[in-house]
N, C-alpha and C. Protein backbone atom coordinates (compact mmCIF):
# COMPACT_ATOMS: atom_id res chain seq x y z
N UNK A 1 55.80 178.57 37.02
CA UNK A 1 56.14 179.84 36.05
C UNK A 1 55.07 180.27 36.19
N UNK A 2 53.62 179.29 35.78
CA UNK A 2 52.12 179.91 35.46
C UNK A 2 51.69 180.52 36.40
N UNK A 3 51.83 180.17 37.59
CA UNK A 3 51.27 180.91 38.64
C UNK A 3 51.69 182.30 39.06
N UNK A 4 53.44 182.59 38.15
CA UNK A 4 53.56 184.16 38.80
C UNK A 4 52.83 184.75 37.51
N UNK A 5 52.64 184.41 36.76
CA UNK A 5 52.32 185.03 35.49
C UNK A 5 51.07 185.14 35.83
N UNK A 6 50.36 184.33 36.37
CA UNK A 6 48.82 184.63 36.49
C UNK A 6 49.03 185.79 37.64
N UNK A 7 49.44 185.73 38.67
CA UNK A 7 49.66 186.93 39.51
C UNK A 7 50.05 188.29 39.10
N UNK A 8 51.03 188.45 37.96
CA UNK A 8 51.60 189.08 37.45
C UNK A 8 50.01 189.87 36.70
N UNK A 9 49.40 188.81 35.91
CA UNK A 9 48.19 189.15 34.85
C UNK A 9 47.15 190.02 35.95
N UNK A 10 46.69 189.45 37.32
CA UNK A 10 46.14 189.91 38.33
C UNK A 10 46.23 191.31 38.78
N UNK A 11 47.54 191.47 39.06
CA UNK A 11 48.37 193.12 39.90
C UNK A 11 47.90 193.60 38.49
N UNK A 12 48.22 193.68 37.52
CA UNK A 12 48.07 194.52 36.34
C UNK A 12 46.82 195.19 35.90
N UNK A 13 45.38 194.18 36.10
CA UNK A 13 44.31 193.93 35.91
C UNK A 13 43.84 195.15 37.10
N UNK A 14 44.03 194.68 38.31
CA UNK A 14 43.40 195.50 39.28
C UNK A 14 44.25 196.57 39.22
N UNK A 15 45.43 197.06 38.83
CA UNK A 15 46.24 198.38 38.64
C UNK A 15 45.04 199.24 37.44
N UNK A 16 44.99 198.90 36.19
CA UNK A 16 43.94 198.80 35.30
C UNK A 16 42.23 199.64 36.24
N UNK A 17 41.91 198.91 36.94
CA UNK A 17 40.92 199.06 37.05
C UNK A 17 40.75 199.88 38.16
N UNK A 18 41.72 200.03 38.96
CA UNK A 18 42.17 201.25 39.85
C UNK A 18 42.43 202.70 38.99
N UNK A 19 42.82 202.58 37.83
CA UNK A 19 43.08 203.87 36.88
C UNK A 19 41.96 204.23 36.53
N UNK A 20 41.03 203.63 35.71
CA UNK A 20 40.19 203.67 35.52
C UNK A 20 38.77 204.10 36.75
N UNK A 21 39.03 203.85 37.77
CA UNK A 21 37.81 204.15 38.64
C UNK A 21 38.83 205.84 39.45
N UNK A 22 39.66 206.07 38.93
CA UNK A 22 40.03 207.26 39.28
C UNK A 22 40.87 207.24 40.58
N UNK A 23 41.34 205.88 41.36
CA UNK A 23 41.75 205.69 42.50
C UNK A 23 43.44 205.91 42.81
N UNK A 24 43.52 206.00 41.38
CA UNK A 24 45.44 206.17 41.20
C UNK A 24 45.82 207.63 41.13
N UNK A 25 46.22 208.22 41.76
CA UNK A 25 46.55 209.75 41.51
C UNK A 25 47.77 210.08 41.78
N UNK A 26 47.82 211.65 41.44
CA UNK A 26 49.41 211.84 41.26
C UNK A 26 49.83 211.76 42.85
N UNK A 27 51.59 211.68 43.89
CA UNK A 27 51.63 211.99 44.66
C UNK A 27 50.88 213.23 45.65
N UNK A 28 50.64 214.25 44.79
CA UNK A 28 50.24 215.41 45.41
C UNK A 28 48.66 215.59 45.52
N UNK A 29 48.36 214.52 44.82
CA UNK A 29 46.66 214.80 44.54
C UNK A 29 46.13 214.23 45.61
N UNK A 30 44.92 214.22 46.05
CA UNK A 30 43.91 213.32 47.13
C UNK A 30 42.75 213.55 46.33
N UNK A 31 42.34 212.06 46.40
CA UNK A 31 41.41 212.15 45.27
C UNK A 31 40.01 212.48 45.91
N UNK A 32 38.78 213.05 45.22
CA UNK A 32 37.90 214.21 45.68
C UNK A 32 38.54 214.14 46.56
N UNK A 33 36.71 214.52 47.25
CA UNK A 33 35.86 215.81 48.50
C UNK A 33 36.57 214.81 49.65
N UNK A 34 36.85 215.35 50.80
CA UNK A 34 37.36 214.74 52.26
C UNK A 34 36.32 214.03 52.72
N UNK A 35 36.84 212.79 53.01
CA UNK A 35 35.52 211.82 53.28
C UNK A 35 34.80 211.78 54.54
N UNK A 36 33.33 211.88 53.78
CA UNK A 36 32.34 212.12 54.71
C UNK A 36 32.30 211.08 56.14
N UNK A 37 31.64 211.71 57.05
CA UNK A 37 31.19 210.66 58.25
C UNK A 37 30.76 209.11 57.77
N UNK A 38 30.96 208.46 58.74
CA UNK A 38 30.13 207.06 58.25
C UNK A 38 28.73 207.33 58.13
N UNK A 39 27.93 206.12 57.80
CA UNK A 39 26.62 206.30 57.37
C UNK A 39 25.79 206.37 58.86
N UNK A 40 26.47 205.18 60.05
CA UNK A 40 25.91 205.35 61.07
C UNK A 40 25.58 206.72 61.95
N UNK A 41 27.18 207.69 61.53
CA UNK A 41 26.87 208.56 62.29
C UNK A 41 26.20 209.56 61.07
N UNK A 42 25.82 209.68 59.80
CA UNK A 42 25.07 210.19 59.18
C UNK A 42 23.67 209.92 59.62
N UNK A 43 23.29 208.83 60.05
CA UNK A 43 22.18 208.47 60.42
C UNK A 43 21.72 209.13 61.55
N UNK A 44 22.92 209.15 62.55
CA UNK A 44 22.48 210.21 64.01
C UNK A 44 22.26 211.70 63.45
N UNK A 45 23.50 211.93 62.82
CA UNK A 45 23.15 213.62 62.30
C UNK A 45 21.78 213.71 61.57
N UNK A 46 21.36 212.89 61.23
CA UNK A 46 19.94 213.18 60.14
C UNK A 46 19.16 213.44 61.00
N UNK A 47 18.78 212.23 62.25
CA UNK A 47 17.77 212.05 63.32
C UNK A 47 17.25 213.29 64.15
N UNK A 48 18.82 214.32 64.15
CA UNK A 48 18.74 215.35 64.73
C UNK A 48 18.34 216.49 64.36
N UNK A 49 18.50 216.58 62.74
CA UNK A 49 18.09 217.91 62.39
C UNK A 49 16.62 218.24 62.30
N UNK A 50 16.57 219.69 61.76
CA UNK A 50 15.12 220.31 62.17
C UNK A 50 14.69 219.66 61.07
N UNK A 51 13.29 219.26 60.89
CA UNK A 51 12.61 219.48 59.78
C UNK A 51 11.64 220.16 59.63
N UNK A 52 11.48 221.06 58.86
CA UNK A 52 10.61 222.13 58.65
C UNK A 52 10.45 222.32 57.14
N UNK A 53 9.32 222.62 56.52
CA UNK A 53 8.76 223.33 55.34
C UNK A 53 9.91 224.06 54.75
N UNK A 54 10.42 223.92 53.62
CA UNK A 54 11.62 224.72 52.98
C UNK A 54 11.25 226.58 52.63
N UNK A 55 12.20 226.98 52.97
CA UNK A 55 11.93 228.28 52.71
C UNK A 55 11.69 228.54 51.05
N UNK A 56 11.93 230.01 50.77
CA UNK A 56 11.70 230.69 49.37
C UNK A 56 12.87 230.83 48.88
N UNK A 57 12.93 231.53 47.96
CA UNK A 57 14.24 231.87 47.28
C UNK A 57 14.03 233.13 47.33
N UNK A 58 13.47 233.82 48.08
CA UNK A 58 13.18 235.44 47.89
C UNK A 58 14.41 235.91 48.68
N UNK A 59 14.85 236.94 47.41
CA UNK A 59 16.30 238.23 48.23
C UNK A 59 17.73 237.13 47.92
N UNK A 60 17.33 235.76 47.24
CA UNK A 60 18.56 234.52 47.23
C UNK A 60 19.24 235.19 45.89
N UNK A 61 20.80 235.35 46.08
CA UNK A 61 21.61 235.86 44.91
C UNK A 61 22.92 235.16 45.58
N UNK A 62 23.56 234.24 44.09
CA UNK A 62 24.66 233.91 44.32
C UNK A 62 25.71 234.88 44.87
N UNK A 63 25.79 236.05 44.45
CA UNK A 63 26.50 237.05 45.17
C UNK A 63 26.53 237.30 46.60
N UNK A 64 25.61 236.50 47.26
CA UNK A 64 25.68 236.52 48.49
C UNK A 64 26.42 235.11 49.16
N UNK A 65 26.96 234.99 48.35
CA UNK A 65 27.61 233.53 49.04
C UNK A 65 28.81 234.15 48.32
N UNK A 66 30.02 235.02 48.52
CA UNK A 66 31.26 235.15 47.45
C UNK A 66 32.06 233.80 47.53
N UNK A 67 32.07 233.46 46.08
CA UNK A 67 33.05 231.95 46.26
C UNK A 67 34.01 232.16 45.43
N UNK A 68 34.85 231.45 45.55
CA UNK A 68 35.81 231.09 44.41
C UNK A 68 37.29 232.35 45.01
N UNK A 69 36.87 232.12 46.42
CA UNK A 69 37.47 233.24 47.24
C UNK A 69 39.44 232.49 46.86
N UNK A 70 39.98 233.80 47.31
CA UNK A 70 41.90 233.06 47.02
C UNK A 70 41.91 232.44 48.19
N UNK A 71 42.67 231.38 48.29
CA UNK A 71 43.03 230.53 48.99
C UNK A 71 43.98 230.81 49.08
N UNK A 72 45.55 230.99 48.65
CA UNK A 72 46.63 231.25 48.78
C UNK A 72 47.40 231.65 47.23
N UNK A 73 48.05 232.68 47.52
CA UNK A 73 49.09 232.99 46.29
C UNK A 73 48.06 233.38 45.36
N UNK A 74 48.11 233.25 44.19
CA UNK A 74 47.01 233.32 43.19
C UNK A 74 46.13 232.30 42.60
N UNK A 75 45.95 231.46 43.47
CA UNK A 75 45.22 230.29 43.43
C UNK A 75 43.83 230.26 44.34
N UNK A 76 43.02 229.62 43.59
CA UNK A 76 41.23 230.30 44.13
C UNK A 76 40.85 229.04 44.72
N UNK A 77 39.81 229.28 45.20
CA UNK A 77 38.85 227.67 45.56
C UNK A 77 38.74 226.87 44.49
N UNK A 78 38.22 227.34 43.16
CA UNK A 78 38.24 226.57 42.05
C UNK A 78 39.38 225.37 41.86
N UNK A 79 40.31 226.42 41.83
CA UNK A 79 41.68 225.96 41.29
C UNK A 79 42.50 224.86 42.29
N UNK A 80 42.11 224.99 43.61
CA UNK A 80 42.38 224.14 44.62
C UNK A 80 41.85 222.64 44.46
N UNK A 81 40.18 223.13 44.41
CA UNK A 81 39.82 221.72 44.42
C UNK A 81 40.02 221.05 43.06
N UNK A 82 40.07 221.20 41.49
CA UNK A 82 40.76 220.86 40.20
C UNK A 82 41.93 220.26 40.85
N UNK A 83 42.81 220.80 41.60
CA UNK A 83 44.26 219.93 41.80
C UNK A 83 44.05 219.10 43.22
N UNK A 84 43.07 218.99 43.63
CA UNK A 84 42.82 218.12 44.65
C UNK A 84 42.10 216.83 43.85
N UNK A 85 41.12 217.19 43.44
CA UNK A 85 40.73 216.26 42.54
C UNK A 85 41.03 215.58 41.46
N UNK A 86 42.17 215.94 40.94
CA UNK A 86 42.84 215.72 39.81
C UNK A 86 43.79 214.65 40.05
N UNK A 87 44.25 213.95 38.90
CA UNK A 87 45.22 212.84 38.35
C UNK A 87 46.28 213.97 37.49
N UNK A 88 47.59 213.89 38.24
CA UNK A 88 48.85 214.42 37.09
C UNK A 88 48.48 216.25 36.76
N UNK A 89 47.67 216.83 37.88
CA UNK A 89 47.72 218.12 37.42
C UNK A 89 48.26 219.21 37.55
N UNK A 90 48.89 219.58 35.96
CA UNK A 90 49.88 220.69 36.40
C UNK A 90 49.10 222.15 35.99
N UNK A 91 49.87 223.09 36.52
CA UNK A 91 49.11 224.67 36.78
C UNK A 91 49.69 225.17 36.19
N UNK A 92 49.43 226.37 35.82
CA UNK A 92 50.48 227.93 35.23
C UNK A 92 50.43 228.22 36.02
N UNK A 93 51.38 229.53 36.25
CA UNK A 93 52.66 230.29 36.91
C UNK A 93 50.81 231.23 37.65
N UNK A 94 49.70 231.14 37.04
CA UNK A 94 48.40 232.12 37.92
C UNK A 94 47.67 231.02 38.36
N UNK A 95 48.15 229.88 38.27
CA UNK A 95 46.95 229.06 39.17
C UNK A 95 46.26 228.02 38.33
N UNK A 96 46.15 228.15 37.29
CA UNK A 96 44.75 227.73 36.09
C UNK A 96 45.32 226.40 35.71
N UNK A 97 44.60 225.29 36.13
CA UNK A 97 44.73 223.77 35.32
C UNK A 97 45.14 223.62 33.86
N UNK A 98 46.37 223.57 33.69
CA UNK A 98 46.90 223.46 32.22
C UNK A 98 46.21 221.96 31.65
N UNK A 99 46.60 220.96 32.13
CA UNK A 99 46.50 219.62 32.21
C UNK A 99 46.51 219.03 33.19
N UNK A 100 46.00 217.74 32.97
CA UNK A 100 45.86 216.59 33.73
C UNK A 100 44.45 215.51 33.33
N UNK A 101 43.81 215.16 34.63
CA UNK A 101 42.79 214.09 34.55
C UNK A 101 41.83 214.01 35.46
N UNK A 102 40.53 214.23 34.98
CA UNK A 102 39.80 214.13 36.19
C UNK A 102 38.46 212.91 36.11
N UNK A 103 38.54 212.49 37.27
CA UNK A 103 37.29 211.57 37.06
C UNK A 103 36.20 211.83 37.94
N UNK A 104 34.73 212.04 37.28
CA UNK A 104 33.52 213.05 37.61
C UNK A 104 32.95 211.45 38.38
N UNK A 105 32.39 211.73 39.67
CA UNK A 105 31.89 210.70 40.72
C UNK A 105 30.72 210.47 40.58
N UNK A 106 29.77 211.97 40.22
CA UNK A 106 28.88 211.94 40.22
C UNK A 106 28.19 210.51 38.43
N UNK A 107 29.03 210.59 37.29
CA UNK A 107 28.67 209.99 36.44
C UNK A 107 29.90 208.94 35.64
N UNK A 108 30.71 209.39 36.47
CA UNK A 108 31.79 208.21 36.12
C UNK A 108 32.89 208.17 34.54
N UNK A 109 32.29 209.89 34.41
CA UNK A 109 33.13 210.31 32.89
C UNK A 109 34.37 210.73 33.49
N UNK A 110 35.31 210.56 32.60
CA UNK A 110 36.91 211.10 32.45
C UNK A 110 36.66 212.02 31.88
N UNK A 111 37.68 213.41 32.34
CA UNK A 111 38.01 214.22 31.51
C UNK A 111 39.67 214.68 31.57
N UNK A 112 39.79 215.47 30.58
CA UNK A 112 41.52 215.69 30.32
C UNK A 112 41.48 217.34 30.52
N UNK A 113 40.00 218.30 30.01
CA UNK A 113 39.94 219.49 30.17
C UNK A 113 39.74 220.17 31.52
N UNK A 114 40.31 221.19 32.43
CA UNK A 114 39.33 221.97 33.55
C UNK A 114 37.91 222.63 33.03
N UNK A 115 37.90 223.03 31.65
CA UNK A 115 37.06 223.79 31.27
C UNK A 115 35.84 222.92 31.64
N UNK A 116 36.10 221.55 31.36
CA UNK A 116 34.59 219.96 30.88
C UNK A 116 34.34 220.22 32.50
N UNK A 117 34.75 220.93 33.35
CA UNK A 117 34.45 220.42 34.94
C UNK A 117 33.98 221.98 35.42
N UNK A 118 32.62 221.36 36.21
CA UNK A 118 32.41 222.25 37.35
C UNK A 118 32.60 221.78 38.80
N UNK A 119 32.36 222.55 39.91
CA UNK A 119 33.24 222.72 41.28
C UNK A 119 31.50 222.78 41.76
N UNK A 120 30.80 221.55 42.13
CA UNK A 120 29.73 221.64 42.52
C UNK A 120 29.71 221.52 44.19
N UNK A 121 29.20 222.55 44.41
CA UNK A 121 27.95 222.98 45.76
C UNK A 121 27.34 221.33 46.54
N UNK A 122 27.99 220.54 47.35
CA UNK A 122 27.10 219.45 47.61
C UNK A 122 26.01 220.15 47.81
N UNK A 123 25.70 220.84 49.20
CA UNK A 123 24.36 221.33 49.41
C UNK A 123 24.65 222.69 48.42
N UNK A 124 23.63 222.87 47.20
CA UNK A 124 23.43 224.14 46.53
C UNK A 124 23.58 225.43 47.57
N UNK A 125 23.67 226.72 46.61
CA UNK A 125 24.09 227.40 47.57
C UNK A 125 22.46 228.32 47.78
N UNK A 126 21.52 227.91 46.96
CA UNK A 126 20.07 228.25 46.65
C UNK A 126 19.36 227.55 47.96
N UNK A 127 19.42 225.95 47.98
CA UNK A 127 19.20 225.33 48.83
C UNK A 127 19.73 225.47 50.33
N UNK A 128 20.49 226.04 50.33
CA UNK A 128 21.07 226.20 51.88
C UNK A 128 20.32 227.58 52.07
N UNK A 129 20.22 228.34 51.01
CA UNK A 129 19.43 229.26 51.41
C UNK A 129 17.94 229.25 51.80
N UNK A 130 17.38 228.63 51.21
CA UNK A 130 15.69 228.31 51.67
C UNK A 130 15.96 227.52 53.14
N UNK A 131 17.07 226.84 53.29
CA UNK A 131 17.30 225.71 54.76
C UNK A 131 17.98 226.46 55.78
N UNK A 132 18.06 228.16 55.34
CA UNK A 132 18.40 228.78 56.76
C UNK A 132 19.64 229.80 56.66
N UNK A 133 20.43 229.68 55.32
CA UNK A 133 21.64 230.64 55.18
C UNK A 133 21.03 231.99 54.67
N UNK A 134 19.71 232.06 54.78
CA UNK A 134 19.34 233.39 54.19
C UNK A 134 19.24 234.71 55.51
N UNK A 135 19.76 233.88 57.05
CA UNK A 135 19.79 234.36 58.18
C UNK A 135 21.14 234.66 58.74
N UNK A 136 22.44 234.42 57.35
CA UNK A 136 23.78 234.42 58.10
C UNK A 136 24.10 235.62 57.57
N UNK A 137 25.47 235.85 58.35
CA UNK A 137 26.00 237.08 57.61
C UNK A 137 26.62 236.82 56.13
N UNK A 138 27.50 237.56 55.53
CA UNK A 138 28.13 237.29 54.31
C UNK A 138 29.60 236.46 54.86
N UNK A 139 29.97 236.98 55.56
CA UNK A 139 31.10 236.02 56.05
C UNK A 139 30.85 234.73 56.41
N UNK A 140 30.03 234.11 56.68
CA UNK A 140 29.19 233.09 57.17
C UNK A 140 28.85 232.08 55.32
N UNK A 141 28.23 232.94 54.94
CA UNK A 141 27.97 232.40 53.42
C UNK A 141 28.89 232.04 52.69
N UNK A 142 30.01 233.14 52.86
CA UNK A 142 31.58 233.18 52.04
C UNK A 142 32.30 231.84 52.77
N UNK A 143 32.21 231.06 54.14
CA UNK A 143 32.79 230.19 54.50
C UNK A 143 32.37 229.12 53.81
N UNK A 144 31.01 228.71 53.73
CA UNK A 144 30.09 227.57 53.25
C UNK A 144 30.29 227.29 51.93
N UNK A 145 30.79 228.64 51.16
CA UNK A 145 30.39 228.68 49.78
C UNK A 145 32.19 228.44 49.16
N UNK A 146 32.87 228.09 50.32
CA UNK A 146 34.36 228.01 49.78
C UNK A 146 34.98 227.03 50.78
N UNK A 147 33.88 226.40 51.22
CA UNK A 147 34.79 225.26 52.29
C UNK A 147 35.73 223.77 52.00
N UNK A 148 36.79 223.94 52.06
CA UNK A 148 37.66 222.95 51.85
C UNK A 148 37.67 222.05 52.87
N UNK A 149 37.45 221.99 54.13
CA UNK A 149 37.33 220.90 55.58
C UNK A 149 36.09 220.37 55.24
N UNK A 150 35.28 220.42 54.76
CA UNK A 150 33.84 219.65 55.02
C UNK A 150 33.94 218.89 53.26
N UNK A 151 33.09 217.87 53.46
CA UNK A 151 32.73 217.64 52.16
C UNK A 151 31.37 218.12 51.73
N UNK A 152 32.22 219.41 51.28
CA UNK A 152 31.18 220.75 50.44
C UNK A 152 31.34 220.65 48.85
N UNK A 153 32.76 220.36 48.71
CA UNK A 153 32.98 220.97 47.24
C UNK A 153 33.73 219.77 46.45
N UNK A 154 33.17 219.51 45.03
CA UNK A 154 33.89 218.33 44.25
C UNK A 154 33.85 218.60 43.00
N UNK A 155 34.68 218.30 42.15
CA UNK A 155 34.80 218.38 40.78
C UNK A 155 34.17 217.35 40.18
N UNK A 156 33.03 218.16 39.45
CA UNK A 156 32.50 217.05 38.38
C UNK A 156 31.94 217.58 36.91
N UNK A 157 31.72 216.46 36.05
CA UNK A 157 30.53 216.64 34.68
C UNK A 157 30.46 218.28 35.01
N UNK A 158 31.06 219.14 33.74
CA UNK A 158 30.24 220.69 34.15
C UNK A 158 28.32 220.39 33.78
N UNK A 159 28.09 219.82 32.95
CA UNK A 159 26.73 219.64 32.09
C UNK A 159 25.50 218.71 33.68
N UNK A 160 26.20 217.94 34.36
CA UNK A 160 25.51 217.03 35.61
C UNK A 160 25.55 218.06 36.58
N UNK A 161 26.37 218.78 36.35
CA UNK A 161 26.31 219.88 37.80
C UNK A 161 24.78 220.64 37.78
N UNK A 162 25.14 221.18 36.30
CA UNK A 162 24.40 221.92 36.02
C UNK A 162 22.67 221.59 35.99
N UNK A 163 22.60 220.09 35.55
CA UNK A 163 21.33 219.34 35.53
C UNK A 163 20.96 219.06 36.97
N UNK A 164 21.85 219.13 38.11
CA UNK A 164 21.73 219.22 39.60
C UNK A 164 21.03 220.37 40.06
N UNK A 165 21.72 221.64 39.44
CA UNK A 165 21.15 222.82 39.90
C UNK A 165 21.42 223.07 41.42
N UNK A 166 19.83 223.28 42.10
CA UNK A 166 19.52 223.56 43.48
C UNK A 166 18.79 222.63 44.41
N UNK A 167 18.62 221.28 43.44
CA UNK A 167 17.65 220.59 43.73
C UNK A 167 18.42 219.43 45.04
N UNK A 168 17.60 219.17 45.78
CA UNK A 168 18.29 218.12 47.38
C UNK A 168 17.81 216.67 46.31
N UNK A 169 18.31 215.94 47.49
CA UNK A 169 18.30 214.47 47.23
C UNK A 169 17.24 213.99 47.32
N UNK A 170 15.84 214.73 47.23
CA UNK A 170 14.62 213.93 47.23
C UNK A 170 14.00 213.89 45.69
N UNK A 171 14.76 215.32 45.26
CA UNK A 171 14.59 215.18 43.58
C UNK A 171 15.81 214.89 42.36
N UNK A 172 17.08 215.06 42.94
CA UNK A 172 18.27 214.22 42.48
C UNK A 172 19.45 213.63 43.01
N UNK A 173 19.82 212.73 42.77
CA UNK A 173 20.88 212.00 43.16
C UNK A 173 22.09 211.50 42.00
N UNK A 174 22.80 211.12 42.33
CA UNK A 174 24.23 210.87 41.07
C UNK A 174 23.48 209.70 40.21
N UNK A 175 24.14 209.95 38.91
CA UNK A 175 23.02 208.67 38.42
C UNK A 175 24.16 207.68 38.29
N UNK A 176 25.41 207.48 38.89
CA UNK A 176 26.01 206.62 39.03
C UNK A 176 25.61 206.38 40.56
N UNK A 177 25.36 204.88 40.49
CA UNK A 177 24.74 204.47 42.22
C UNK A 177 25.59 204.02 43.13
N UNK A 178 26.68 203.56 42.69
CA UNK A 178 27.95 203.27 43.52
C UNK A 178 28.26 204.47 44.61
N UNK A 179 27.89 205.77 44.24
CA UNK A 179 28.47 207.04 44.88
C UNK A 179 27.25 207.86 45.61
N UNK A 180 26.04 207.05 45.63
CA UNK A 180 25.28 207.92 46.50
C UNK A 180 24.86 207.78 47.93
N UNK A 181 25.61 206.48 48.12
CA UNK A 181 25.81 206.56 49.68
C UNK A 181 26.89 207.35 50.34
N UNK A 182 27.94 207.78 49.37
CA UNK A 182 28.82 208.60 49.80
C UNK A 182 28.30 209.91 49.41
N UNK A 183 27.38 210.42 48.62
CA UNK A 183 27.03 211.62 48.46
C UNK A 183 25.49 211.93 49.58
N UNK A 184 25.35 210.70 50.27
CA UNK A 184 24.15 211.56 51.15
C UNK A 184 24.61 211.83 52.23
N UNK A 185 25.73 210.75 52.73
CA UNK A 185 26.66 210.82 53.90
C UNK A 185 27.71 212.21 53.52
N UNK A 186 28.04 212.82 52.97
CA UNK A 186 28.29 214.36 52.75
C UNK A 186 27.45 215.21 53.18
N UNK A 187 26.01 215.01 52.32
CA UNK A 187 25.00 215.89 52.06
C UNK A 187 24.44 216.47 53.98
N UNK A 188 24.28 215.30 54.38
CA UNK A 188 23.99 214.72 56.19
C UNK A 188 25.22 216.10 56.79
N UNK A 189 26.44 215.71 56.50
CA UNK A 189 26.95 215.69 57.45
C UNK A 189 27.46 217.21 56.98
N UNK A 190 27.20 218.08 56.10
CA UNK A 190 27.16 219.72 55.91
C UNK A 190 25.67 220.09 56.27
N UNK A 191 24.84 219.50 55.88
CA UNK A 191 23.70 220.07 56.98
C UNK A 191 23.65 220.12 58.23
N UNK A 192 24.38 219.11 59.01
CA UNK A 192 24.39 219.39 60.27
C UNK A 192 25.41 220.08 60.79
N UNK A 193 26.66 220.20 60.36
CA UNK A 193 27.65 221.45 60.56
C UNK A 193 27.32 222.79 60.38
N UNK A 194 26.40 222.71 59.37
CA UNK A 194 25.64 224.29 59.52
C UNK A 194 24.75 224.73 59.74
N UNK A 195 24.00 223.21 60.80
CA UNK A 195 22.41 223.46 61.14
C UNK A 195 21.57 224.29 60.27
N UNK A 196 21.43 223.84 59.18
CA UNK A 196 20.85 223.87 58.05
C UNK A 196 19.60 223.01 58.33
N UNK A 197 18.17 222.99 57.78
CA UNK A 197 17.03 222.73 58.15
C UNK A 197 16.67 221.58 56.68
N UNK A 198 15.70 221.07 57.15
CA UNK A 198 15.89 219.76 55.86
C UNK A 198 14.10 219.80 56.08
N UNK A 199 13.49 219.63 54.33
CA UNK A 199 12.10 218.99 54.59
C UNK A 199 11.84 217.44 54.24
N UNK A 200 11.12 217.53 54.65
CA UNK A 200 10.19 215.52 54.73
C UNK A 200 10.46 215.27 53.60
N UNK A 201 10.53 215.52 52.14
CA UNK A 201 11.07 214.65 51.39
C UNK A 201 12.11 214.73 51.37
N UNK A 202 12.85 215.18 51.32
CA UNK A 202 14.31 215.41 51.78
C UNK A 202 14.92 214.50 52.47
N UNK A 203 14.26 214.16 54.23
CA UNK A 203 14.42 213.44 54.83
C UNK A 203 14.47 211.98 54.48
N UNK A 204 12.95 211.92 53.88
CA UNK A 204 12.67 210.41 53.49
C UNK A 204 13.43 209.97 52.59
N UNK A 205 14.52 210.86 51.26
CA UNK A 205 15.27 210.18 50.60
C UNK A 205 16.30 210.00 51.24
N UNK A 206 16.78 210.92 52.19
CA UNK A 206 18.09 210.59 52.55
C UNK A 206 18.08 209.44 53.59
N UNK A 207 16.91 208.84 54.42
CA UNK A 207 16.99 208.00 54.80
C UNK A 207 17.08 206.24 54.33
N UNK A 208 16.00 206.66 52.87
CA UNK A 208 16.14 206.08 52.12
C UNK A 208 17.61 205.04 51.89
N UNK A 209 18.40 206.09 51.16
CA UNK A 209 19.50 205.43 50.71
C UNK A 209 20.71 205.26 52.32
N UNK A 210 20.49 206.17 52.63
CA UNK A 210 21.50 205.49 53.86
C UNK A 210 20.85 204.13 54.37
N UNK A 211 19.84 203.84 54.79
CA UNK A 211 19.53 202.52 54.94
C UNK A 211 20.02 201.24 54.37
N UNK A 212 20.71 201.69 52.59
CA UNK A 212 21.43 200.59 52.42
C UNK A 212 22.82 200.85 52.41
N UNK A 213 23.41 201.69 52.95
CA UNK A 213 24.62 202.02 53.07
C UNK A 213 25.47 200.92 54.04
């Protein structure tokens, strides 16, 4: 009998642990962003990226990357990501998230108000501009800014996203070290898919993290 109780306690503890880390989600939810490529693939992608001095932000404006476009009905990209990344998310008739729970992978915080979340562009818009997106068409920039297929958009604590700003991994990585491998795999995948350049300090930082994945 004691063995049965011990197993029940272990199962209960595991369930609590999963809930705390945000891995238990509502049936309709997909936790966090699309799974990035493997570390091995990321290393291969990284080796093929063009290394060049980063460009300037001359001419840059967020308005040149039309974002949070309508995805379906009254749901825009932000609301789709909030629904995808949250647990038990309830939406209004206009698709606004009225309740739910969100685990921020960057800092390990859990939130119950959508207003506490920002949707982070894994590769920031200004960073993309300096890395080659300045020569894109508006349509290409819109696709990049609303990409739900690649691991480019993720719901995270708002002030953490704001502290990241437009920095690349040479100067900013998630404070939650357990997520850094996923973060750089996603970063490399997005840069590779969109044929964006990287600078030498960025490549060094990416290689450093990937070497430990």
